[in-house]
Amino acid sequence: MLISYFAMFFSLTGIILNIRKNILCWFCFMISDTLWFSYSVLTGQWAITLTHTVFIVTNFIGFYSWSKAKNGKDANKNQ
């Protein structure tokens, strides 16, 4: 399925951005996990569906955490 190639692209892009500590990685992860979620539902892989549901939630938590630290509210915590 073509959807898996798009999901792979966003997953790998997210990893590269994460290594570079770029906050945009979380958006790539959100897109890739949403695509993997859709793929797993379409193919009936329920364990993967559950896994990517958890990943989507953690992506929002990660984005919130990074944006909070970037605005200086948690800057001392990360040092």
C-alpha atoms as a PDB file:
ATOM      1  CA  MET A   1       0.000   0.000   0.000  1.00  0.00           C
ATOM      2  CA  LEU A   2       1.218   3.463  -0.916  1.00  0.00           C
ATOM      3  CA  ILE A   3       0.277   4.840   2.511  1.00  0.00           C
ATOM      4  CA  SER A   4       3.110   2.862   4.120  1.00  0.00           C
ATOM      5  CA  TYR A   5       5.711   4.640   1.946  1.00  0.00           C
ATOM      6  CA  PHE A   6       4.414   8.051   3.010  1.00  0.00           C
ATOM      7  CA  ALA A   7       4.410   6.907   6.635  1.00  0.00           C
ATOM      8  CA  MET A   8       7.995   5.675   6.280  1.00  0.00           C
ATOM      9  CA  PHE A   9       9.068   9.006   4.745  1.00  0.00           C
ATOM     10  CA  PHE A  10       7.599  11.026   7.618  1.00  0.00           C
ATOM     11  CA  SER A  11       9.023   8.607  10.201  1.00  0.00           C
ATOM     12  CA  LEU A  12      12.556   8.915   8.833  1.00  0.00           C
ATOM     13  CA  THR A  13      12.265  12.681   8.391  1.00  0.00           C
ATOM     14  CA  GLY A  14      11.059  12.956  11.989  1.00  0.00           C
ATOM     15  CA  ILE A  15      14.062  10.977  13.220  1.00  0.00           C
ATOM     16  CA  ILE A  16      16.477  13.242  11.322  1.00  0.00           C
ATOM     17  CA  LEU A  17      14.785  16.361  12.711  1.00  0.00           C
ATOM     18  CA  ASN A  18      14.795  14.868  16.207  1.00  0.00           C
ATOM     19  CA  ILE A  19      18.535  14.208  16.003  1.00  0.00           C
ATOM     20  CA  ARG A  20      18.958  17.874  15.048  1.00  0.00           C
ATOM     21  CA  LYS A  21      16.696  18.851  17.978  1.00  0.00           C
ATOM     22  CA  ASN A  22      14.227  20.545  15.636  1.00  0.00           C
ATOM     23  CA  ILE A  23      10.723  20.864  17.096  1.00  0.00           C
ATOM     24  CA  LEU A  24       9.220  20.128  13.665  1.00  0.00           C
ATOM     25  CA  CYS A  25      10.104  16.473  14.297  1.00  0.00           C
ATOM     26  CA  TRP A  26       6.945  16.154  16.387  1.00  0.00           C
ATOM     27  CA  PHE A  27       4.751  17.158  13.443  1.00  0.00           C
ATOM     28  CA  CYS A  28       6.474  14.564  11.257  1.00  0.00           C
ATOM     29  CA  PHE A  29       5.944  11.957  13.962  1.00  0.00           C
ATOM     30  CA  MET A  30       2.274  12.935  14.302  1.00  0.00           C
ATOM     31  CA  ILE A  31       1.762  12.571  10.553  1.00  0.00           C
ATOM     32  CA  SER A  32       3.673   9.289  10.321  1.00  0.00           C
ATOM     33  CA  ASP A  33       1.903   7.747  13.307  1.00  0.00           C
ATOM     34  CA  THR A  34      -1.482   8.814  11.954  1.00  0.00           C
ATOM     35  CA  LEU A  35      -0.594   7.187   8.628  1.00  0.00           C
ATOM     36  CA  TRP A  36       0.674   4.018  10.356  1.00  0.00           C
ATOM     37  CA  PHE A  37      -2.514   4.000  12.436  1.00  0.00           C
ATOM     38  CA  SER A  38      -4.629   4.208   9.267  1.00  0.00           C
ATOM     39  CA  TYR A  39      -2.562   1.513   7.579  1.00  0.00           C
ATOM     40  CA  SER A  40      -2.914  -0.842  10.536  1.00  0.00           C
ATOM     41  CA  VAL A  41      -6.687  -0.324  10.694  1.00  0.00           C
ATOM     42  CA  LEU A  42      -7.010  -1.017   6.961  1.00  0.00           C
ATOM     43  CA  THR A  43      -4.935  -4.183   7.256  1.00  0.00           C
ATOM     44  CA  GLY A  44      -6.507  -5.363  10.536  1.00  0.00           C
ATOM     45  CA  GLN A  45      -3.326  -5.215  12.630  1.00  0.00           C
ATOM     46  CA  TRP A  46      -4.840  -4.246  15.954  1.00  0.00           C
ATOM     47  CA  ALA A  47      -1.703  -4.398  18.120  1.00  0.00           C
ATOM     48  CA  ILE A  48      -0.008  -1.899  15.790  1.00  0.00           C
ATOM     49  CA  THR A  49      -3.159   0.244  15.882  1.00  0.00           C
ATOM     50  CA  LEU A  50      -2.929   0.401  19.670  1.00  0.00           C
ATOM     51  CA  THR A  51       0.804   1.111  19.543  1.00  0.00           C
ATOM     52  CA  HIS A  52       0.411   4.054  17.185  1.00  0.00           C
ATOM     53  CA  THR A  53      -2.504   5.407  19.214  1.00  0.00           C
ATOM     54  CA  VAL A  54      -0.123   5.626  22.177  1.00  0.00           C
ATOM     55  CA  PHE A  55       2.586   7.140  19.944  1.00  0.00           C
ATOM     56  CA  ILE A  56       0.195   9.868  18.742  1.00  0.00           C
ATOM     57  CA  VAL A  57      -0.558  10.832  22.346  1.00  0.00           C
ATOM     58  CA  THR A  58       3.148  10.881  23.253  1.00  0.00           C
ATOM     59  CA  ASN A  59       3.860  13.048  20.210  1.00  0.00           C
ATOM     60  CA  PHE A  60       1.528  15.727  21.555  1.00  0.00           C
ATOM     61  CA  ILE A  61       3.143  15.439  24.991  1.00  0.00           C
ATOM     62  CA  GLY A  62       6.625  15.698  23.440  1.00  0.00           C
ATOM     63  CA  PHE A  63       5.664  18.729  21.381  1.00  0.00           C
ATOM     64  CA  TYR A  64       4.140  20.419  24.420  1.00  0.00           C
ATOM     65  CA  SER A  65       7.211  19.652  26.516  1.00  0.00           C
ATOM     66  CA  TRP A  66       9.652  20.940  23.891  1.00  0.00           C
ATOM     67  CA  SER A  67       7.644  24.101  23.184  1.00  0.00           C
ATOM     68  CA  LYS A  68       7.356  24.819  26.924  1.00  0.00           C
ATOM     69  CA  ALA A  69      11.131  24.434  27.353  1.00  0.00           C
ATOM     70  CA  LYS A  70      11.790  26.544  24.255  1.00  0.00           C
ATOM     71  CA  ASN A  71       9.774  29.417  25.733  1.00  0.00           C
ATOM     72  CA  GLY A  72      11.974  29.422  28.820  1.00  0.00           C
ATOM     73  CA  LYS A  73       9.469  27.973  31.278  1.00  0.00           C
ATOM     74  CA  ASP A  74      11.433  24.759  31.732  1.00  0.00           C
ATOM     75  CA  ALA A  75      14.828  25.902  30.504  1.00  0.00           C
ATOM     76  CA  ASN A  76      16.605  25.096  33.782  1.00  0.00           C
ATOM     77  CA  LYS A  77      15.150  21.575  33.841  1.00  0.00           C
ATOM     78  CA  ASN A  78      16.928  20.599  30.623  1.00  0.00           C
ATOM     79  CA  GLN A  79      20.391  21.755  31.634  1.00  0.00           C
END
